[in-house]
Amino acid sequence: QVQLVESGGGLVQPGGSLRLSCVASGFTFSTFAMSWYRQVPGKEPEWVSNITARGTIMYTEAVKNRFTISRDNAKNTLYLQINGLNVEDTALYYCETDSYWGQGTQVTVSS
């Protein structure tokens, strides 16, 4: 069965950085587009970024130039490098593919 397991979240100060990971299993990772979403309590998930199987990348405007999505097909792992964190980035971050979701990793930005 499809499994997506996120990690790498934490509490960071404004301006800090984190690298989120999503380890995938149960499907042929290299052939699927992968996405990152984030969600704050009381709101719908917000799409953040995606990377296609061929490596085409897109970002939502709010994170351009600060977030970098990448994938390592040999490790079945999706990454999200987050730099210049601000309090508005505080959220539960999920990876997603083909309507399958992980359980998320919490990113909290606070001084």
Protein backbone atom coordinates (compact mmCIF):
# COMPACT_ATOMS: atom_id res chain seq x y z
CA GLN A 1 0.00 0.00 0.00
CA VAL A 2 1.06 3.58 -0.57
CA GLN A 3 2.86 5.14 2.37
CA LEU A 4 4.22 8.65 2.71
CA VAL A 5 6.16 9.52 5.84
CA GLU A 6 7.22 13.11 6.41
CA SER A 7 9.91 14.29 8.79
CA GLY A 8 12.17 17.24 9.43
CA GLY A 9 9.78 19.73 10.93
CA GLY A 10 10.44 21.59 14.14
CA LEU A 11 10.51 24.88 15.98
CA VAL A 12 12.71 27.50 14.39
CA GLN A 13 13.28 31.22 14.77
CA PRO A 14 12.31 33.64 12.02
CA GLY A 15 14.92 33.60 9.29
CA GLY A 16 15.85 30.00 10.00
CA SER A 17 15.91 26.99 7.72
CA LEU A 18 14.57 23.46 7.68
CA ARG A 19 14.76 20.53 5.32
CA LEU A 20 11.63 18.41 5.16
CA SER A 21 11.71 14.87 3.87
CA CYS A 22 9.01 12.52 2.64
CA VAL A 23 9.89 8.86 2.28
CA ALA A 24 7.59 7.04 -0.10
CA SER A 25 6.79 3.36 -0.48
CA GLY A 26 4.22 1.11 -2.09
CA PHE A 27 4.43 2.57 -5.59
CA THR A 28 6.95 3.35 -8.28
CA PHE A 29 8.13 6.67 -6.89
CA SER A 30 10.12 7.74 -9.93
CA THR A 31 7.07 7.73 -12.19
CA PHE A 32 4.81 9.93 -10.07
CA ALA A 33 4.55 13.65 -9.60
CA MET A 34 4.92 14.66 -5.96
CA SER A 35 3.60 17.68 -4.12
CA TRP A 36 3.99 19.52 -0.84
CA TYR A 37 1.02 21.11 0.88
CA ARG A 38 0.67 22.93 4.16
CA GLN A 39 -2.27 23.48 6.45
CA VAL A 40 -3.03 25.71 9.40
CA PRO A 41 -5.85 24.93 11.81
CA GLY A 42 -9.25 25.90 10.49
CA LYS A 43 -8.15 26.27 6.89
CA GLU A 44 -7.99 24.08 3.83
CA PRO A 45 -4.62 22.66 2.78
CA GLU A 46 -2.60 25.08 0.70
CA TRP A 47 -0.58 23.78 -2.23
CA VAL A 48 3.07 24.77 -1.86
CA SER A 49 5.06 23.09 -4.61
CA ASN A 50 5.21 20.13 -6.90
CA ILE A 51 7.75 18.26 -8.98
CA THR A 52 6.81 16.03 -11.87
CA ALA A 53 8.36 12.69 -12.71
CA ARG A 54 10.46 14.49 -15.31
CA GLY A 55 11.57 17.13 -12.83
CA THR A 56 9.40 20.06 -13.80
CA ILE A 57 8.93 22.23 -10.73
CA MET A 58 6.33 24.76 -9.68
CA TYR A 59 5.86 26.86 -6.53
CA THR A 60 3.12 28.94 -5.08
CA GLU A 61 4.02 32.61 -5.26
CA ALA A 62 4.38 33.01 -1.49
CA VAL A 63 7.34 30.64 -1.29
CA LYS A 64 9.22 31.34 -4.50
CA ASN A 65 12.92 32.05 -3.93
CA ARG A 66 12.73 30.63 -0.40
CA PHE A 67 11.61 27.02 -0.86
CA THR A 68 13.30 24.39 -2.99
CA ILE A 69 11.65 21.09 -3.86
CA SER A 70 13.71 18.14 -4.99
CA ARG A 71 13.51 14.39 -5.25
CA ASP A 72 15.92 11.48 -4.98
CA ASN A 73 14.40 8.63 -6.93
CA ALA A 74 17.10 6.21 -5.76
CA LYS A 75 15.99 6.83 -2.17
CA ASN A 76 12.25 7.17 -2.91
CA THR A 77 12.41 10.48 -1.09
CA LEU A 78 10.96 13.91 -1.69
CA TYR A 79 12.52 16.98 -0.08
CA LEU A 80 11.57 20.55 0.67
CA GLN A 81 14.35 22.92 1.64
CA ILE A 82 12.86 25.91 3.40
CA ASN A 83 14.94 29.05 3.93
CA GLY A 84 14.07 32.45 5.32
CA LEU A 85 11.25 31.09 7.44
CA ASN A 86 8.68 33.54 8.74
CA VAL A 87 5.77 33.15 11.10
CA GLU A 88 3.36 32.83 8.17
CA ASP A 89 5.11 29.58 7.24
CA THR A 90 3.92 27.96 10.46
CA ALA A 91 1.81 24.98 9.40
CA LEU A 92 1.56 21.23 9.16
CA TYR A 93 3.41 20.24 5.99
CA TYR A 94 2.26 17.23 3.98
CA CYS A 95 3.54 15.42 0.94
CA GLU A 96 1.00 14.11 -1.52
CA THR A 97 0.79 11.99 -4.62
CA ASP A 98 -2.21 10.74 -6.57
CA SER A 99 -4.52 11.72 -3.69
CA TYR A 100 -2.46 9.85 -1.10
CA TRP A 101 -1.27 11.94 1.84
CA GLY A 102 1.23 11.50 4.59
CA GLN A 103 0.50 12.41 8.21
CA GLY A 104 2.48 15.61 8.03
CA THR A 105 5.35 17.26 9.85
CA GLN A 106 4.82 20.39 11.93
CA VAL A 107 6.80 23.53 11.19
CA THR A 108 6.55 26.26 13.80
CA VAL A 109 8.28 29.58 13.36
CA SER A 110 8.53 31.66 16.49
CA SER A 111 10.95 33.87 18.30
